[in-house]
Amino acid sequence: MIDSLPFNKDLLEMDPKVVVKYLYDSMRSNATVMSSNRGGRMVTPFPAKNIKEVPGLIETVLNSVQDREEVNKEDRVLFTTELPDFEKEMEAITYAVTKRKPGGLGNGAPFEQQAKNLRPILREESTDPDDPDYKVAIYGHFFDNLIKLTCWAHSSWQAEKRALWLEDAIRDYTWWLTMQGVSRIFYFGRDEDLMLQVSKNKIYGKPLVFFVRTERLSEVSTKKLEQLVIKVATQGG
């Protein structure tokens, strides 16, 4: 266990507070410090969302639109990350991540910026509210993603209507997705139409591609680091 730690095990013979300072300062020096004009981190009204949370947000959008349209539950379009049972479902929208790279920095089209968010960004640094002798730092990583939302139906025209409906839904709720912590989301284009043979029926798919920028946040606490160092040192002894 000790050999797998990201620091020399000789450090464990030192005062834990000295080791913690070394680890904390090393992580901080490896980070990019970016701040807003107000001197703080670039924040959203809600915590930043990572890519794992995007499907749930999209499902909420689709349900909200269908609520407004007063669609009965049994008639609602299925939203899923798996290929549905087309013998049971008349319509479905499937979700998939087709591209994911470190977020681009500076000007340029998505995925074409020369600079990338390869190092963590120091978002916040503050005194531990529960113990002023310790510090807490928040690090962020931007990621640029392409997600594919494929509208499936038993006729090409119905799949097309659903695809246009989905475009409108995402466009109309972009403000809400931003408020929830999605950094950016916009329509990126379409992929080639799909057709599946299920039993004796044909199923048609219309894939819509959206660009989504997400941020993965992580917290580093000197108090937790100290507890870890003491635990490892005790086990190592």
Foldseek 3Di string as FASTA:
>chain_A
DLVPDPDDCVCLVDDLLVVLVVVVVVLVVQAAEDPDPVRAFDDFLAAFDDPVCVLVVLVVLQVVVCVVVVPDPVPGEAEEQDDDDVVRGQKHKHKDWDDKDWFADDDDDGPPHPDGQPTWYWHDKDADPVDNVKIKTKTKTKMKIKMKIKIKHQDPVVSVVVVVVSQVSCVVCQVVVVNNNFVDKHWDAWDDKDWDCDPNTIMIITITMMITMGMDMDMDMSVVSSVVSVVVSVVVD
